Amino acid sequence: MKKILIAILPLLAVGFTSCKKDKVDVWRDDSPIIDFKDTRLLKALMEISDRYDGDRTYTAFKDMNGDGKVSEKEAARVQYLDLSGYNIRDFSEITFFSSLEILYCYNNDLRDLDISKNTRLKELNCMGNKLTSLDISKNTTLTSLNCKLNGLTSLDVNGCSSLKKLSCENNDLSRLILSKCAGLEELNCSTNSISTLDVSECTELKSLDCSFNQLTVLDLSNNKYLETVTCNNNDNLENIILYEYADLPQSFLETYKDIISGYIW
């Protein structure tokens, strides 16, 4: 009998261990439930929860306990959100998503977007809304910003040293501040009302589209890595100052040869 027990005990131990491994952790959450001002935002979150893919590089939103609500704990774990095209008007509760690194909220009905608490953001796409202002002073880790097709009158990206791509075309911009943006490589600020554009501190700039503005002078003398420049339909443009050894397409140089200075032909 003892021999039989001795033989069975290891099997029982293995079975017990296997059961422990197969046990699914229960989501425990006693944090407050978020009260959404715009129910369309809550509805959108529940919809994307149904499409949750746990294999994402970034943690997407998941209704962890299936209660149809969003707790502060559930919000705080999210790194990636795509809430585009849901006609959302109020995004106030985005402040609870403090771990967000990627936010897509384009093609909604937003008049305001407060991302001051989302200090880990790397990529923001808020194009196609009704924003008249956008404060990104707290979002110094941004690498890509797309805010085109809004109603912005000014945009200050001062100090966003990680920013590599900025798309702010088709707004009402008369003022664009790009100081301390040494890492910026792509800039599209076309179809605005910009009369002065200072890109002197954007020393890594490779692509610039500033067409359909009100520029009179375009100083690119500090942008020696430029590969493409589009500046057509600036009707009063009188002078383009280039880096002396600029490596720009011959077609561009020929088109604007009468107003180019600084370049060694």
C-alpha atoms as a PDB file:
ATOM      1  CA  MET A   1       0.000   0.000   0.000  1.00  0.00           C
ATOM      2  CA  LYS A   2       2.840   2.367   0.894  1.00  0.00           C
ATOM      3  CA  LYS A   3       4.461   1.641  -2.465  1.00  0.00           C
ATOM      4  CA  ILE A   4       1.244   2.541  -4.294  1.00  0.00           C
ATOM      5  CA  LEU A   5       0.940   5.840  -2.375  1.00  0.00           C
ATOM      6  CA  ILE A   6       4.562   6.687  -3.080  1.00  0.00           C
ATOM      7  CA  ALA A   7       3.958   6.101  -6.790  1.00  0.00           C
ATOM      8  CA  ILE A   8       0.767   8.195  -6.874  1.00  0.00           C
ATOM      9  CA  LEU A   9       2.022  11.215  -4.899  1.00  0.00           C
ATOM     10  CA  PRO A  10       4.326  12.577  -7.647  1.00  0.00           C
ATOM     11  CA  LEU A  11       1.460  12.345 -10.148  1.00  0.00           C
ATOM     12  CA  LEU A  12      -0.819  14.284  -7.815  1.00  0.00           C
ATOM     13  CA  ALA A  13       1.868  16.913  -7.355  1.00  0.00           C
ATOM     14  CA  VAL A  14       2.255  17.331 -11.131  1.00  0.00           C
ATOM     15  CA  GLY A  15      -1.511  17.625 -11.560  1.00  0.00           C
ATOM     16  CA  PHE A  16      -1.761  20.233  -8.816  1.00  0.00           C
ATOM     17  CA  THR A  17       1.056  22.259 -10.359  1.00  0.00           C
ATOM     18  CA  SER A  18      -0.608  22.070 -13.774  1.00  0.00           C
ATOM     19  CA  CYS A  19      -3.877  23.353 -12.310  1.00  0.00           C
ATOM     20  CA  LYS A  20      -2.054  26.284 -10.759  1.00  0.00           C
ATOM     21  CA  LYS A  21      -0.504  27.158 -14.112  1.00  0.00           C
ATOM     22  CA  ASP A  22      -3.858  27.009 -15.880  1.00  0.00           C
ATOM     23  CA  LYS A  23      -5.519  29.276 -13.344  1.00  0.00           C
ATOM     24  CA  VAL A  24      -6.665  32.572 -14.898  1.00  0.00           C
ATOM     25  CA  ASP A  25      -5.969  35.678 -12.851  1.00  0.00           C
ATOM     26  CA  VAL A  26      -9.095  37.586 -11.883  1.00  0.00           C
ATOM     27  CA  TRP A  27      -9.018  41.337 -12.636  1.00  0.00           C
ATOM     28  CA  ARG A  28      -9.319  43.094  -9.304  1.00  0.00           C
ATOM     29  CA  ASP A  29     -10.290  46.721  -9.483  1.00  0.00           C
ATOM     30  CA  ASP A  30     -11.708  48.951  -6.788  1.00  0.00           C
ATOM     31  CA  SER A  31     -10.733  52.241  -8.458  1.00  0.00           C
ATOM     32  CA  PRO A  32     -13.438  54.855  -9.199  1.00  0.00           C
ATOM     33  CA  ILE A  33     -15.577  54.577 -12.326  1.00  0.00           C
ATOM     34  CA  ILE A  34     -15.055  57.411 -14.828  1.00  0.00           C
ATOM     35  CA  ASP A  35     -18.157  59.501 -15.550  1.00  0.00           C
ATOM     36  CA  PHE A  36     -18.031  60.448 -19.246  1.00  0.00           C
ATOM     37  CA  LYS A  37     -19.581  63.763 -20.292  1.00  0.00           C
ATOM     38  CA  ASP A  38     -19.980  62.526 -23.868  1.00  0.00           C
ATOM     39  CA  THR A  39     -21.542  59.067 -23.970  1.00  0.00           C
ATOM     40  CA  ARG A  40     -20.189  58.630 -27.504  1.00  0.00           C
ATOM     41  CA  LEU A  41     -16.700  58.389 -26.042  1.00  0.00           C
ATOM     42  CA  LEU A  42     -17.760  55.602 -23.672  1.00  0.00           C
ATOM     43  CA  LYS A  43     -19.565  53.808 -26.501  1.00  0.00           C
ATOM     44  CA  ALA A  44     -16.477  54.053 -28.718  1.00  0.00           C
ATOM     45  CA  LEU A  45     -14.289  52.596 -25.970  1.00  0.00           C
ATOM     46  CA  MET A  46     -16.618  49.629 -25.567  1.00  0.00           C
ATOM     47  CA  GLU A  47     -16.571  49.053 -29.332  1.00  0.00           C
ATOM     48  CA  ILE A  48     -12.794  48.995 -29.556  1.00  0.00           C
ATOM     49  CA  SER A  49     -12.684  46.750 -26.481  1.00  0.00           C
ATOM     50  CA  ASP A  50     -14.623  44.157 -28.483  1.00  0.00           C
ATOM     51  CA  ARG A  51     -11.861  44.332 -31.102  1.00  0.00           C
ATOM     52  CA  TYR A  52      -9.081  44.107 -28.531  1.00  0.00           C
ATOM     53  CA  ASP A  53      -5.889  42.456 -29.777  1.00  0.00           C
ATOM     54  CA  GLY A  54      -3.656  41.388 -26.942  1.00  0.00           C
ATOM     55  CA  ASP A  55      -0.683  40.962 -29.279  1.00  0.00           C
ATOM     56  CA  ARG A  56      -0.262  44.688 -29.921  1.00  0.00           C
ATOM     57  CA  THR A  57       3.113  46.267 -29.263  1.00  0.00           C
ATOM     58  CA  TYR A  58       1.245  48.814 -27.147  1.00  0.00           C
ATOM     59  CA  THR A  59      -1.501  48.051 -24.637  1.00  0.00           C
ATOM     60  CA  ALA A  60      -4.887  48.904 -26.171  1.00  0.00           C
ATOM     61  CA  PHE A  61      -8.085  49.516 -24.203  1.00  0.00           C
ATOM     62  CA  LYS A  62      -9.843  46.466 -22.776  1.00  0.00           C
ATOM     63  CA  ASP A  63     -12.929  46.333 -20.571  1.00  0.00           C
ATOM     64  CA  MET A  64     -11.149  43.985 -18.213  1.00  0.00           C
ATOM     65  CA  ASN A  65     -14.136  42.919 -16.108  1.00  0.00           C
ATOM     66  CA  GLY A  66     -16.770  43.253 -18.836  1.00  0.00           C
ATOM     67  CA  ASP A  67     -18.986  45.633 -16.878  1.00  0.00           C
ATOM     68  CA  GLY A  68     -19.445  48.099 -19.751  1.00  0.00           C
ATOM     69  CA  LYS A  69     -17.764  50.844 -17.737  1.00  0.00           C
ATOM     70  CA  VAL A  70     -14.278  52.328 -17.580  1.00  0.00           C
ATOM     71  CA  SER A  71     -12.448  52.537 -14.280  1.00  0.00           C
ATOM     72  CA  GLU A  72      -9.483  54.774 -13.576  1.00  0.00           C
ATOM     73  CA  LYS A  73      -7.301  51.667 -13.328  1.00  0.00           C
ATOM     74  CA  GLU A  74      -8.465  50.393 -16.730  1.00  0.00           C
ATOM     75  CA  ALA A  75      -7.758  53.800 -18.273  1.00  0.00           C
ATOM     76  CA  ALA A  76      -4.336  54.232 -16.699  1.00  0.00           C
ATOM     77  CA  ARG A  77      -2.934  51.042 -18.266  1.00  0.00           C
ATOM     78  CA  VAL A  78      -3.741  52.036 -21.877  1.00  0.00           C
ATOM     79  CA  GLN A  79      -0.868  52.996 -24.187  1.00  0.00           C
ATOM     80  CA  TYR A  80      -2.687  53.043 -27.547  1.00  0.00           C
ATOM     81  CA  LEU A  81      -6.085  54.480 -28.493  1.00  0.00           C
ATOM     82  CA  ASP A  82      -7.743  54.811 -31.886  1.00  0.00           C
ATOM     83  CA  LEU A  83     -11.021  56.699 -31.429  1.00  0.00           C
ATOM     84  CA  SER A  84     -11.281  58.136 -34.924  1.00  0.00           C
ATOM     85  CA  GLY A  85     -14.571  58.820 -36.681  1.00  0.00           C
ATOM     86  CA  TYR A  86     -17.012  58.481 -33.769  1.00  0.00           C
ATOM     87  CA  ASN A  87     -18.364  62.082 -33.854  1.00  0.00           C
ATOM     88  CA  ILE A  88     -17.089  62.617 -30.314  1.00  0.00           C
ATOM     89  CA  ARG A  89     -17.481  66.197 -29.066  1.00  0.00           C
ATOM     90  CA  ASP A  90     -15.980  66.028 -25.585  1.00  0.00           C
ATOM     91  CA  PHE A  91     -12.664  64.348 -24.806  1.00  0.00           C
ATOM     92  CA  SER A  92     -12.264  65.643 -21.246  1.00  0.00           C
ATOM     93  CA  GLU A  93     -11.719  62.196 -19.746  1.00  0.00           C
ATOM     94  CA  ILE A  94      -8.631  61.559 -21.889  1.00  0.00           C
ATOM     95  CA  THR A  95      -6.694  62.925 -18.905  1.00  0.00           C
ATOM     96  CA  PHE A  96      -7.295  59.615 -17.094  1.00  0.00           C
ATOM     97  CA  PHE A  97      -5.314  57.772 -19.798  1.00  0.00           C
ATOM     98  CA  SER A  98      -1.988  58.820 -18.314  1.00  0.00           C
ATOM     99  CA  SER A  99       0.101  56.079 -19.974  1.00  0.00           C
ATOM    100  CA  LEU A 100      -0.969  56.935 -23.530  1.00  0.00           C
ATOM    101  CA  GLU A 101       1.815  56.906 -26.108  1.00  0.00           C
ATOM    102  CA  ILE A 102      -0.265  56.861 -29.298  1.00  0.00           C
ATOM    103  CA  LEU A 103      -3.585  58.696 -29.720  1.00  0.00           C
ATOM    104  CA  TYR A 104      -5.660  58.785 -32.893  1.00  0.00           C
ATOM    105  CA  CYS A 105      -8.768  60.949 -32.522  1.00  0.00           C
ATOM    106  CA  TYR A 106      -9.109  62.323 -36.034  1.00  0.00           C
ATOM    107  CA  ASN A 107     -12.395  62.980 -37.849  1.00  0.00           C
ATOM    108  CA  ASN A 108     -14.449  63.732 -34.754  1.00  0.00           C
ATOM    109  CA  ASP A 109     -16.238  66.903 -33.624  1.00  0.00           C
ATOM    110  CA  LEU A 110     -13.755  68.123 -31.017  1.00  0.00           C
ATOM    111  CA  ARG A 111     -13.589  71.816 -30.113  1.00  0.00           C
ATOM    112  CA  ASP A 112     -11.062  71.299 -27.336  1.00  0.00           C
ATOM    113  CA  LEU A 113      -8.352  68.749 -26.586  1.00  0.00           C
ATOM    114  CA  ASP A 114      -6.565  68.803 -23.233  1.00  0.00           C
ATOM    115  CA  ILE A 115      -3.560  66.462 -23.350  1.00  0.00           C
ATOM    116  CA  SER A 116      -1.584  68.146 -20.579  1.00  0.00           C
ATOM    117  CA  LYS A 117      -1.790  64.980 -18.439  1.00  0.00           C
ATOM    118  CA  ASN A 118      -0.746  62.690 -21.299  1.00  0.00           C
ATOM    119  CA  THR A 119       2.941  63.435 -20.928  1.00  0.00           C
ATOM    120  CA  ARG A 120       4.089  60.129 -22.470  1.00  0.00           C
ATOM    121  CA  LEU A 121       2.524  60.823 -25.866  1.00  0.00           C
ATOM    122  CA  LYS A 122       4.757  60.033 -28.826  1.00  0.00           C
ATOM    123  CA  GLU A 123       2.232  60.231 -31.643  1.00  0.00           C
ATOM    124  CA  LEU A 124      -0.908  62.374 -31.898  1.00  0.00           C
ATOM    125  CA  ASN A 125      -3.301  62.551 -34.838  1.00  0.00           C
ATOM    126  CA  CYS A 126      -6.192  64.947 -34.218  1.00  0.00           C
ATOM    127  CA  MET A 127      -6.797  66.056 -37.807  1.00  0.00           C
ATOM    128  CA  GLY A 128     -10.269  66.840 -39.091  1.00  0.00           C
ATOM    129  CA  ASN A 129     -11.790  68.304 -35.939  1.00  0.00           C
ATOM    130  CA  LYS A 130     -12.867  71.838 -34.963  1.00  0.00           C
ATOM    131  CA  LEU A 131      -9.934  72.785 -32.754  1.00  0.00           C
ATOM    132  CA  THR A 132      -9.039  76.475 -32.583  1.00  0.00           C
ATOM    133  CA  SER A 133      -6.129  75.969 -30.180  1.00  0.00           C
ATOM    134  CA  LEU A 134      -3.826  73.135 -29.169  1.00  0.00           C
ATOM    135  CA  ASP A 135      -1.460  73.225 -26.196  1.00  0.00           C
ATOM    136  CA  ILE A 136       1.361  70.670 -26.415  1.00  0.00           C
ATOM    137  CA  SER A 137       3.730  72.377 -23.995  1.00  0.00           C
ATOM    138  CA  LYS A 138       3.615  69.339 -21.672  1.00  0.00           C
ATOM    139  CA  ASN A 139       4.070  66.813 -24.485  1.00  0.00           C
ATOM    140  CA  THR A 140       7.807  67.039 -25.009  1.00  0.00           C
ATOM    141  CA  THR A 141       8.133  63.361 -26.019  1.00  0.00           C
ATOM    142  CA  LEU A 142       6.033  63.815 -29.190  1.00  0.00           C
ATOM    143  CA  THR A 143       7.709  62.518 -32.342  1.00  0.00           C
ATOM    144  CA  SER A 144       4.757  62.941 -34.721  1.00  0.00           C
ATOM    145  CA  LEU A 145       1.934  65.506 -34.679  1.00  0.00           C
ATOM    146  CA  ASN A 146      -0.857  65.685 -37.251  1.00  0.00           C
ATOM    147  CA  CYS A 147      -3.307  68.504 -36.545  1.00  0.00           C
ATOM    148  CA  LYS A 148      -4.254  69.483 -40.086  1.00  0.00           C
ATOM    149  CA  LEU A 149      -7.792  70.366 -41.176  1.00  0.00           C
ATOM    150  CA  ASN A 150      -8.763  72.209 -38.004  1.00  0.00           C
ATOM    151  CA  GLY A 151      -9.282  75.892 -37.216  1.00  0.00           C
ATOM    152  CA  LEU A 152      -5.998  76.592 -35.418  1.00  0.00           C
ATOM    153  CA  THR A 153      -4.882  80.223 -35.513  1.00  0.00           C
ATOM    154  CA  SER A 154      -1.507  79.683 -33.829  1.00  0.00           C
ATOM    155  CA  LEU A 155       0.660  76.705 -32.945  1.00  0.00           C
ATOM    156  CA  ASP A 156       3.612  76.645 -30.580  1.00  0.00           C
ATOM    157  CA  VAL A 157       5.801  73.522 -30.628  1.00  0.00           C
ATOM    158  CA  ASN A 158       8.668  75.252 -28.840  1.00  0.00           C
ATOM    159  CA  GLY A 159      10.797  72.743 -26.954  1.00  0.00           C
ATOM    160  CA  CYS A 160       9.435  69.613 -28.633  1.00  0.00           C
ATOM    161  CA  SER A 161      12.962  68.438 -29.336  1.00  0.00           C
ATOM    162  CA  SER A 162      11.847  64.869 -30.160  1.00  0.00           C
ATOM    163  CA  LEU A 163       9.389  66.009 -32.844  1.00  0.00           C
ATOM    164  CA  LYS A 164      10.299  64.625 -36.274  1.00  0.00           C
ATOM    165  CA  LYS A 165       7.118  65.112 -38.287  1.00  0.00           C
ATOM    166  CA  LEU A 166       4.632  67.994 -38.129  1.00  0.00           C
ATOM    167  CA  SER A 167       1.546  68.257 -40.337  1.00  0.00           C
ATOM    168  CA  CYS A 168      -0.428  71.430 -39.619  1.00  0.00           C
ATOM    169  CA  GLU A 169      -1.674  72.308 -43.091  1.00  0.00           C
ATOM    170  CA  ASN A 170      -5.183  73.552 -43.868  1.00  0.00           C
ATOM    171  CA  ASN A 171      -5.715  75.591 -40.720  1.00  0.00           C
ATOM    172  CA  ASP A 172      -5.981  79.347 -40.110  1.00  0.00           C
ATOM    173  CA  LEU A 173      -2.439  79.692 -38.789  1.00  0.00           C
ATOM    174  CA  SER A 174      -0.857  83.113 -38.791  1.00  0.00           C
ATOM    175  CA  ARG A 175       1.762  82.129 -36.223  1.00  0.00           C
ATOM    176  CA  LEU A 176       3.910  78.982 -36.068  1.00  0.00           C
ATOM    177  CA  ILE A 177       6.666  78.765 -33.450  1.00  0.00           C
ATOM    178  CA  LEU A 178       9.326  76.127 -34.141  1.00  0.00           C
ATOM    179  CA  SER A 179      12.137  77.109 -31.786  1.00  0.00           C
ATOM    180  CA  LYS A 180      14.157  74.328 -30.132  1.00  0.00           C
ATOM    181  CA  CYS A 181      12.875  71.763 -32.644  1.00  0.00           C
ATOM    182  CA  ALA A 182      16.270  70.649 -33.877  1.00  0.00           C
ATOM    183  CA  GLY A 183      15.071  67.108 -34.651  1.00  0.00           C
ATOM    184  CA  LEU A 184      12.231  68.126 -36.994  1.00  0.00           C
ATOM    185  CA  GLU A 185      12.644  66.410 -40.384  1.00  0.00           C
ATOM    186  CA  GLU A 186       9.272  66.909 -42.111  1.00  0.00           C
ATOM    187  CA  LEU A 187       7.138  70.046 -41.979  1.00  0.00           C
ATOM    188  CA  ASN A 188       3.926  70.717 -43.872  1.00  0.00           C
ATOM    189  CA  CYS A 189       2.363  74.057 -42.974  1.00  0.00           C
ATOM    190  CA  SER A 190       0.742  74.751 -46.336  1.00  0.00           C
ATOM    191  CA  THR A 191      -2.605  76.476 -46.866  1.00  0.00           C
ATOM    192  CA  ASN A 192      -2.500  78.829 -43.905  1.00  0.00           C
ATOM    193  CA  SER A 193      -1.990  82.571 -43.383  1.00  0.00           C
ATOM    194  CA  ILE A 194       1.661  82.531 -42.331  1.00  0.00           C
ATOM    195  CA  SER A 195       3.641  85.639 -43.275  1.00  0.00           C
ATOM    196  CA  THR A 196       6.828  84.798 -41.342  1.00  0.00           C
ATOM    197  CA  LEU A 197       8.338  81.325 -41.009  1.00  0.00           C
ATOM    198  CA  ASP A 198      11.428  80.782 -38.878  1.00  0.00           C
ATOM    199  CA  VAL A 199      12.966  77.320 -39.368  1.00  0.00           C
ATOM    200  CA  SER A 200      16.496  78.344 -38.424  1.00  0.00           C
ATOM    201  CA  GLU A 201      16.561  76.005 -35.415  1.00  0.00           C
ATOM    202  CA  CYS A 202      15.158  73.056 -37.395  1.00  0.00           C
ATOM    203  CA  THR A 203      18.628  72.023 -38.464  1.00  0.00           C
ATOM    204  CA  GLU A 204      17.663  68.451 -39.461  1.00  0.00           C
ATOM    205  CA  LEU A 205      14.824  69.534 -41.752  1.00  0.00           C
ATOM    206  CA  LYS A 206      14.622  67.449 -44.949  1.00  0.00           C
ATOM    207  CA  SER A 207      11.170  68.220 -46.344  1.00  0.00           C
ATOM    208  CA  LEU A 208       9.269  71.525 -46.255  1.00  0.00           C
ATOM    209  CA  ASP A 209       5.904  72.440 -47.749  1.00  0.00           C
ATOM    210  CA  CYS A 210       4.923  76.030 -47.015  1.00  0.00           C
ATOM    211  CA  SER A 211       2.860  76.640 -50.138  1.00  0.00           C
ATOM    212  CA  PHE A 212      -0.317  78.738 -50.166  1.00  0.00           C
ATOM    213  CA  ASN A 213       0.749  81.166 -47.442  1.00  0.00           C
ATOM    214  CA  GLN A 214       1.690  84.864 -47.299  1.00  0.00           C
ATOM    215  CA  LEU A 215       5.475  84.642 -47.119  1.00  0.00           C
ATOM    216  CA  THR A 216       7.658  87.443 -48.462  1.00  0.00           C
ATOM    217  CA  VAL A 217      11.011  85.964 -47.392  1.00  0.00           C
ATOM    218  CA  LEU A 218      11.942  82.312 -46.886  1.00  0.00           C
ATOM    219  CA  ASP A 219      15.230  81.878 -45.049  1.00  0.00           C
ATOM    220  CA  LEU A 220      16.550  78.315 -45.378  1.00  0.00           C
ATOM    221  CA  SER A 221      20.216  79.161 -44.934  1.00  0.00           C
ATOM    222  CA  ASN A 222      20.511  77.035 -41.790  1.00  0.00           C
ATOM    223  CA  ASN A 223      18.793  73.973 -43.279  1.00  0.00           C
ATOM    224  CA  LYS A 224      21.616  72.231 -45.101  1.00  0.00           C
ATOM    225  CA  TYR A 225      19.908  68.805 -45.204  1.00  0.00           C
ATOM    226  CA  LEU A 226      16.853  69.957 -47.149  1.00  0.00           C
ATOM    227  CA  GLU A 227      15.881  67.596 -49.964  1.00  0.00           C
ATOM    228  CA  THR A 228      12.518  69.021 -51.044  1.00  0.00           C
ATOM    229  CA  VAL A 229      10.935  72.468 -50.749  1.00  0.00           C
ATOM    230  CA  THR A 230       7.456  73.409 -51.940  1.00  0.00           C
ATOM    231  CA  CYS A 231       6.680  77.111 -51.666  1.00  0.00           C
ATOM    232  CA  ASN A 232       4.398  77.888 -54.588  1.00  0.00           C
ATOM    233  CA  ASN A 233       1.442  80.277 -54.264  1.00  0.00           C
ATOM    234  CA  ASN A 234       3.140  82.674 -51.906  1.00  0.00           C
ATOM    235  CA  ASP A 235       2.252  85.573 -54.165  1.00  0.00           C
ATOM    236  CA  ASN A 236       4.520  88.138 -52.492  1.00  0.00           C
ATOM    237  CA  LEU A 237       7.575  85.910 -52.062  1.00  0.00           C
ATOM    238  CA  GLU A 238      10.602  88.039 -52.998  1.00  0.00           C
ATOM    239  CA  ASN A 239      13.597  86.180 -51.589  1.00  0.00           C
ATOM    240  CA  ILE A 240      14.583  82.571 -50.859  1.00  0.00           C
ATOM    241  CA  ILE A 241      17.824  82.346 -48.899  1.00  0.00           C
ATOM    242  CA  LEU A 242      19.485  78.948 -49.259  1.00  0.00           C
ATOM    243  CA  TYR A 243      22.393  77.174 -47.617  1.00  0.00           C
ATOM    244  CA  GLU A 244      25.279  77.759 -50.004  1.00  0.00           C
ATOM    245  CA  TYR A 245      25.684  74.081 -50.893  1.00  0.00           C
ATOM    246  CA  ALA A 246      22.019  73.109 -50.732  1.00  0.00           C
ATOM    247  CA  ASP A 247      21.282  69.792 -52.445  1.00  0.00           C
ATOM    248  CA  LEU A 248      17.862  70.630 -53.848  1.00  0.00           C
ATOM    249  CA  PRO A 249      16.256  69.447 -57.105  1.00  0.00           C
ATOM    250  CA  GLN A 250      17.377  71.321 -60.191  1.00  0.00           C
ATOM    251  CA  SER A 251      13.751  71.984 -61.083  1.00  0.00           C
ATOM    252  CA  PHE A 252      13.286  73.948 -57.847  1.00  0.00           C
ATOM    253  CA  LEU A 253      16.467  75.947 -58.399  1.00  0.00           C
ATOM    254  CA  GLU A 254      15.467  76.797 -61.950  1.00  0.00           C
ATOM    255  CA  THR A 255      11.937  77.803 -60.992  1.00  0.00           C
ATOM    256  CA  TYR A 256      13.056  80.269 -58.315  1.00  0.00           C
ATOM    257  CA  LYS A 257      16.493  81.279 -59.640  1.00  0.00           C
ATOM    258  CA  ASP A 258      15.516  84.947 -59.884  1.00  0.00           C
ATOM    259  CA  ILE A 259      14.781  85.263 -56.167  1.00  0.00           C
ATOM    260  CA  ILE A 260      17.315  82.789 -54.713  1.00  0.00           C
ATOM    261  CA  SER A 261      20.271  84.127 -52.750  1.00  0.00           C
ATOM    262  CA  GLY A 262      23.096  82.578 -50.739  1.00  0.00           C
ATOM    263  CA  TYR A 263      23.375  79.529 -52.988  1.00  0.00           C
ATOM    264  CA  ILE A 264      26.613  78.872 -54.862  1.00  0.00           C
ATOM    265  CA  TRP A 265      25.649  77.993 -58.419  1.00  0.00           C
END
